[in-house]
Amino acid sequence: MKLLMSSSDQDEGEMKRFANWILDVENENIDFVVGDESKIEILDNLLITITDDSLSNLVDFAYLDLLQNMSVFSGTEKKHLGFDTTCQADENEDVHQEWFTPEFLNDIKCSGLSNHKLTLKPVVAIMLLRNINQTLGLCNRTRLIINELYSNVIGATVVIGGNIGDKVYIPRMNLIPSDSGLPFKFQRRQFPLTVCFAMTINKSQGQSLSHVGLHLPKSVFTHGQLYVTLSRIKSRSGLKVLILDEGGNSKSSTTNVMFKEVFNNI
């Protein structure tokens, strides 16, 4: 339904064939087989997209992977280091900050929290991890393109939603993870963002994109995960897939994990 209601000018027959192919993958009617793609080809498509001045092209691209590689972009990298301290809250009032070394706190990584060290460049796409100003469209998962890098503020352009094209500034903030899995609370003063040209499959849910590079160093392991990935794309021509075997060599097929038993009691 999403594909057929799209405003794309591509051939309607091709769109229907692609929609049926996605449904066949979902219903486990076919094995998932793709042409042999290389990581270089996927990154080349990314660079072509970036050199275009169109914001719509930038926001419509995603590299679905855990890889965040700055080396493919021109410009000088700037490293931003956070400042980590423990929180003296009621539930951990017996915790003394001197018990925890800076190195220990700096290594903590958890969902929804920026890393202690952020390496950024101009023109790189970023995603907010906090709600800052809903009126300006600066909410969790808002995507932006970096324009300027300073020590305590980052200038960027919004590339998604009703505020697309707006120039904004993102400050450093005190970030406290809601659930770090640790027996104590801590805060990190850092920019509330992460690089987002690459994202996990789960993070891509709900998005509609024109170009998707899918990197599968391992087969998907969750029910329907492959279908979720394929249904993000608007056309088959915009999909590039790199599938690797255990030895790191490319191959042309992967496992499609579907457990139809989950629907038995519905």
Protein backbone atom coordinates (compact mmCIF):
# COMPACT_ATOMS: atom_id res chain seq x y z
CA MET A 1 0.00 0.00 0.00
CA LYS A 2 2.83 2.39 0.83
CA LEU A 3 4.53 1.78 -2.50
CA LEU A 4 1.38 2.14 -4.61
CA MET A 5 0.41 5.39 -2.85
CA SER A 6 3.87 6.87 -3.40
CA SER A 7 4.20 9.99 -5.54
CA SER A 8 7.12 8.38 -7.37
CA ASP A 9 7.02 8.60 -11.17
CA GLN A 10 8.43 5.10 -11.64
CA ASP A 11 6.55 2.54 -13.72
CA GLU A 12 3.41 1.32 -11.94
CA GLY A 13 3.92 -2.24 -13.18
CA GLU A 14 7.45 -2.35 -11.80
CA MET A 15 6.20 -0.95 -8.50
CA LYS A 16 3.57 -3.70 -8.24
CA ARG A 17 6.15 -6.38 -9.02
CA PHE A 18 8.44 -5.01 -6.30
CA ALA A 19 5.55 -4.88 -3.81
CA ASN A 20 4.66 -8.51 -4.58
CA TRP A 21 8.31 -9.52 -4.19
CA ILE A 22 8.44 -7.92 -0.72
CA LEU A 23 5.25 -9.76 0.26
CA ASP A 24 6.73 -13.04 -1.01
CA VAL A 25 9.73 -12.48 1.25
CA GLU A 26 7.40 -11.77 4.18
CA ASN A 27 5.33 -14.89 3.49
CA GLU A 28 8.48 -17.01 3.01
CA ASN A 29 7.38 -17.95 -0.49
CA ILE A 30 10.84 -17.36 -1.97
CA ASP A 31 14.46 -17.54 -0.92
CA PHE A 32 16.03 -14.10 -0.63
CA VAL A 33 18.60 -13.88 -3.44
CA VAL A 34 20.30 -10.71 -4.63
CA GLY A 35 22.96 -9.70 -7.11
CA ASP A 36 26.54 -9.63 -5.89
CA GLU A 37 27.25 -6.16 -4.45
CA SER A 38 30.43 -4.84 -2.91
CA LYS A 39 30.86 -2.44 0.00
CA ILE A 40 32.70 -0.10 -2.39
CA GLU A 41 29.66 0.04 -4.69
CA ILE A 42 27.40 0.85 -1.73
CA LEU A 43 29.71 3.62 -0.47
CA ASP A 44 30.09 5.02 -4.00
CA ASN A 45 26.32 5.44 -4.16
CA LEU A 46 26.47 7.22 -0.81
CA LEU A 47 29.15 9.65 -2.00
CA ILE A 48 27.19 10.43 -5.19
CA THR A 49 24.19 11.26 -3.00
CA ILE A 50 26.24 13.53 -0.72
CA THR A 51 27.79 15.53 -3.56
CA ASP A 52 24.28 16.43 -4.74
CA ASP A 53 23.01 19.61 -3.05
CA SER A 54 19.48 18.21 -2.68
CA LEU A 55 18.47 17.77 0.97
CA SER A 56 15.80 15.30 -0.12
CA ASN A 57 18.50 13.01 -1.52
CA LEU A 58 20.44 13.16 1.74
CA VAL A 59 17.47 12.32 3.92
CA ASP A 60 16.36 9.49 1.63
CA PHE A 61 19.62 7.55 2.01
CA ALA A 62 20.48 5.08 4.74
CA TYR A 63 23.24 2.52 5.15
CA LEU A 64 21.64 -0.17 7.32
CA ASP A 65 24.57 -1.45 9.30
CA LEU A 66 26.54 -0.81 12.47
CA LEU A 67 29.41 0.71 10.50
CA GLN A 68 30.14 4.43 11.01
CA ASN A 69 33.04 5.22 8.65
CA MET A 70 34.21 8.85 8.47
CA SER A 71 37.07 8.19 6.06
CA VAL A 72 34.79 8.35 3.00
CA PHE A 73 34.01 12.04 3.64
CA SER A 74 36.28 14.97 2.83
CA GLY A 75 37.14 17.59 5.43
CA THR A 76 38.89 17.65 8.78
CA GLU A 77 37.64 15.50 11.62
CA LYS A 78 36.90 17.14 14.96
CA LYS A 79 36.78 15.05 18.13
CA HIS A 80 34.37 16.06 20.88
CA LEU A 81 34.98 14.48 24.28
CA GLY A 82 32.25 14.26 26.91
CA PHE A 83 32.54 14.84 30.66
CA ASP A 84 31.27 11.97 32.83
CA THR A 85 30.39 12.07 36.53
CA THR A 86 28.29 9.94 38.88
CA CYS A 87 24.95 11.31 40.11
CA GLN A 88 24.39 11.69 43.84
CA ALA A 89 20.76 10.51 43.84
CA ASP A 90 18.77 9.09 46.77
CA GLU A 91 19.02 5.52 45.56
CA ASN A 92 22.80 5.63 45.31
CA GLU A 93 23.66 8.13 48.04
CA ASP A 94 26.33 5.76 49.36
CA VAL A 95 28.17 5.83 46.02
CA HIS A 96 31.30 7.93 46.09
CA GLN A 97 32.48 9.42 42.83
CA GLU A 98 36.11 8.61 43.59
CA TRP A 99 35.27 4.91 43.31
CA PHE A 100 34.86 5.26 39.56
CA THR A 101 37.78 6.22 37.35
CA PRO A 102 37.18 8.55 34.37
CA GLU A 103 38.29 5.74 32.06
CA PHE A 104 35.56 3.45 33.42
CA LEU A 105 32.81 6.05 32.98
CA ASN A 106 34.06 7.07 29.53
CA ASP A 107 33.74 3.48 28.27
CA ILE A 108 30.06 3.18 29.22
CA LYS A 109 27.77 2.87 26.19
CA CYS A 110 24.02 2.44 26.44
CA SER A 111 20.90 3.03 24.38
CA GLY A 112 19.86 6.65 23.91
CA LEU A 113 23.16 8.03 25.18
CA SER A 114 25.84 9.73 23.09
CA ASN A 115 29.30 8.17 23.17
CA HIS A 116 31.97 9.82 25.29
CA LYS A 117 33.96 10.51 22.11
CA LEU A 118 32.18 11.88 19.04
CA THR A 119 34.16 12.20 15.83
CA LEU A 120 32.41 14.53 13.38
CA LYS A 121 32.93 16.33 10.07
CA PRO A 122 30.96 18.95 8.13
CA VAL A 123 28.33 17.52 5.73
CA VAL A 124 27.99 14.37 7.85
CA ALA A 125 24.44 13.31 8.72
CA ILE A 126 23.54 13.14 12.42
CA MET A 127 20.47 12.14 14.42
CA LEU A 128 19.24 13.67 17.67
CA LEU A 129 18.90 11.40 20.70
CA ARG A 130 16.83 13.81 22.82
CA ASN A 131 13.81 16.09 22.48
CA ILE A 132 15.21 19.64 22.47
CA ASN A 133 12.60 21.90 20.87
CA GLN A 134 9.51 20.40 19.26
CA THR A 135 8.49 23.73 17.71
CA LEU A 136 11.74 23.77 15.73
CA GLY A 137 11.38 20.08 14.90
CA LEU A 138 14.31 19.13 17.14
CA CYS A 139 13.01 15.85 18.54
CA ASN A 140 14.41 12.40 19.18
CA ARG A 141 15.34 10.78 15.82
CA THR A 142 15.38 14.10 13.91
CA ARG A 143 18.03 13.91 11.18
CA LEU A 144 20.31 16.83 10.33
CA ILE A 145 23.38 17.67 8.25
CA ILE A 146 26.35 19.28 10.02
CA ASN A 147 27.35 22.76 8.79
CA GLU A 148 29.65 24.09 11.52
CA LEU A 149 31.62 22.51 14.37
CA TYR A 150 32.53 24.39 17.53
CA SER A 151 33.61 23.28 20.99
CA ASN A 152 30.23 23.78 22.70
CA VAL A 153 27.74 24.08 19.84
CA ILE A 154 27.13 22.44 16.46
CA GLY A 155 25.44 24.22 13.54
CA ALA A 156 23.28 21.95 11.39
CA THR A 157 20.45 21.87 8.84
CA VAL A 158 17.24 19.93 9.47
CA VAL A 159 16.60 17.41 6.66
CA ILE A 160 13.38 15.75 7.78
CA GLY A 161 9.83 16.75 8.69
CA GLY A 162 8.06 20.09 8.37
CA ASN A 163 11.17 22.09 9.31
CA ILE A 164 13.37 20.76 6.51
CA GLY A 165 16.01 23.31 5.50
CA ASP A 166 16.00 25.18 8.83
CA LYS A 167 19.40 26.13 10.25
CA VAL A 168 19.71 25.25 13.95
CA TYR A 169 22.36 25.01 16.68
CA ILE A 170 22.73 21.99 18.96
CA PRO A 171 24.37 22.65 22.38
CA ARG A 172 26.10 20.29 24.76
CA MET A 173 23.71 18.90 27.38
CA ASN A 174 23.80 16.89 30.58
CA LEU A 175 22.53 13.45 29.55
CA ILE A 176 21.38 10.91 32.14
CA PRO A 177 20.46 7.46 30.75
CA SER A 178 17.07 6.21 31.94
CA ASP A 179 18.28 2.61 32.12
CA SER A 180 21.99 1.99 31.78
CA GLY A 181 21.87 -1.46 33.37
CA LEU A 182 24.27 -0.22 36.05
CA PRO A 183 23.64 -0.15 39.83
CA PHE A 184 24.35 3.59 39.92
CA LYS A 185 23.36 6.67 37.93
CA PHE A 186 25.77 8.86 36.04
CA GLN A 187 25.57 11.80 33.67
CA ARG A 188 27.50 12.66 30.54
CA ARG A 189 27.86 16.22 29.27
CA GLN A 190 27.95 15.77 25.53
CA PHE A 191 26.11 16.65 22.32
CA PRO A 192 22.83 14.65 22.23
CA LEU A 193 23.43 13.10 18.84
CA THR A 194 24.95 10.26 16.88
CA VAL A 195 26.15 9.82 13.31
CA CYS A 196 23.30 8.36 11.27
CA PHE A 197 24.32 7.53 7.71
CA ALA A 198 24.55 4.07 9.18
CA MET A 199 21.75 2.73 11.36
CA THR A 200 20.57 -0.60 12.69
CA ILE A 201 17.64 -2.36 11.05
CA ASN A 202 15.48 -1.82 14.13
CA LYS A 203 16.25 1.93 14.15
CA SER A 204 15.12 2.18 10.51
CA GLN A 205 11.55 1.06 11.23
CA GLY A 206 8.88 3.50 10.08
CA GLN A 207 11.10 5.30 7.56
CA SER A 208 10.60 5.49 3.79
CA LEU A 209 13.85 5.85 1.85
CA SER A 210 14.87 6.10 -1.81
CA HIS A 211 18.31 4.50 -1.42
CA VAL A 212 19.24 1.73 1.01
CA GLY A 213 22.57 -0.05 1.34
CA LEU A 214 22.10 -3.18 3.43
CA HIS A 215 25.23 -4.70 4.99
CA LEU A 216 24.75 -8.24 6.33
CA PRO A 217 28.02 -9.61 7.77
CA LYS A 218 25.73 -12.11 9.53
CA SER A 219 22.28 -13.39 8.68
CA VAL A 220 19.32 -11.70 10.35
CA PHE A 221 18.25 -13.50 13.53
CA THR A 222 14.82 -12.03 14.35
CA HIS A 223 11.40 -12.91 12.97
CA GLY A 224 10.51 -10.61 10.07
CA GLN A 225 13.68 -8.53 10.35
CA LEU A 226 14.63 -8.94 6.70
CA TYR A 227 11.14 -7.94 5.60
CA VAL A 228 11.36 -4.80 7.79
CA THR A 229 14.56 -3.83 5.98
CA LEU A 230 13.29 -4.41 2.45
CA SER A 231 10.04 -2.52 3.08
CA ARG A 232 11.96 0.69 3.87
CA ILE A 233 12.86 1.20 0.22
CA LYS A 234 10.64 2.81 -2.43
CA SER A 235 11.97 0.89 -5.44
CA ARG A 236 14.04 -2.20 -6.10
CA SER A 237 16.57 -0.16 -8.08
CA GLY A 238 17.42 1.80 -4.90
CA LEU A 239 18.35 -1.33 -2.95
CA LYS A 240 21.98 -2.48 -2.66
CA VAL A 241 22.80 -5.52 -0.53
CA LEU A 242 26.15 -6.86 0.64
CA ILE A 243 25.93 -10.35 2.16
CA LEU A 244 29.03 -11.97 3.65
CA ASP A 245 29.81 -15.54 4.70
CA GLU A 246 31.77 -16.50 7.82
CA GLY A 247 35.04 -15.95 5.98
CA GLY A 248 34.11 -12.40 4.97
CA ASN A 249 33.51 -13.30 1.33
CA SER A 250 30.48 -11.94 -0.52
CA LYS A 251 27.62 -14.28 -1.47
CA SER A 252 24.23 -13.90 -3.15
CA SER A 253 21.73 -15.29 -0.61
CA THR A 254 20.87 -15.10 3.06
CA THR A 255 18.50 -16.73 5.54
CA ASN A 256 15.01 -15.27 5.87
CA VAL A 257 13.87 -15.87 9.46
CA MET A 258 10.10 -16.34 9.65
CA PHE A 259 8.23 -18.12 12.46
CA LYS A 260 4.64 -18.43 11.26
CA GLU A 261 3.78 -20.15 14.55
CA VAL A 262 3.58 -16.71 16.21
CA PHE A 263 0.31 -16.12 14.34
CA ASN A 264 -1.34 -19.41 15.29
CA ASN A 265 -3.38 -17.97 18.18
CA ILE A 266 -4.45 -14.77 16.43
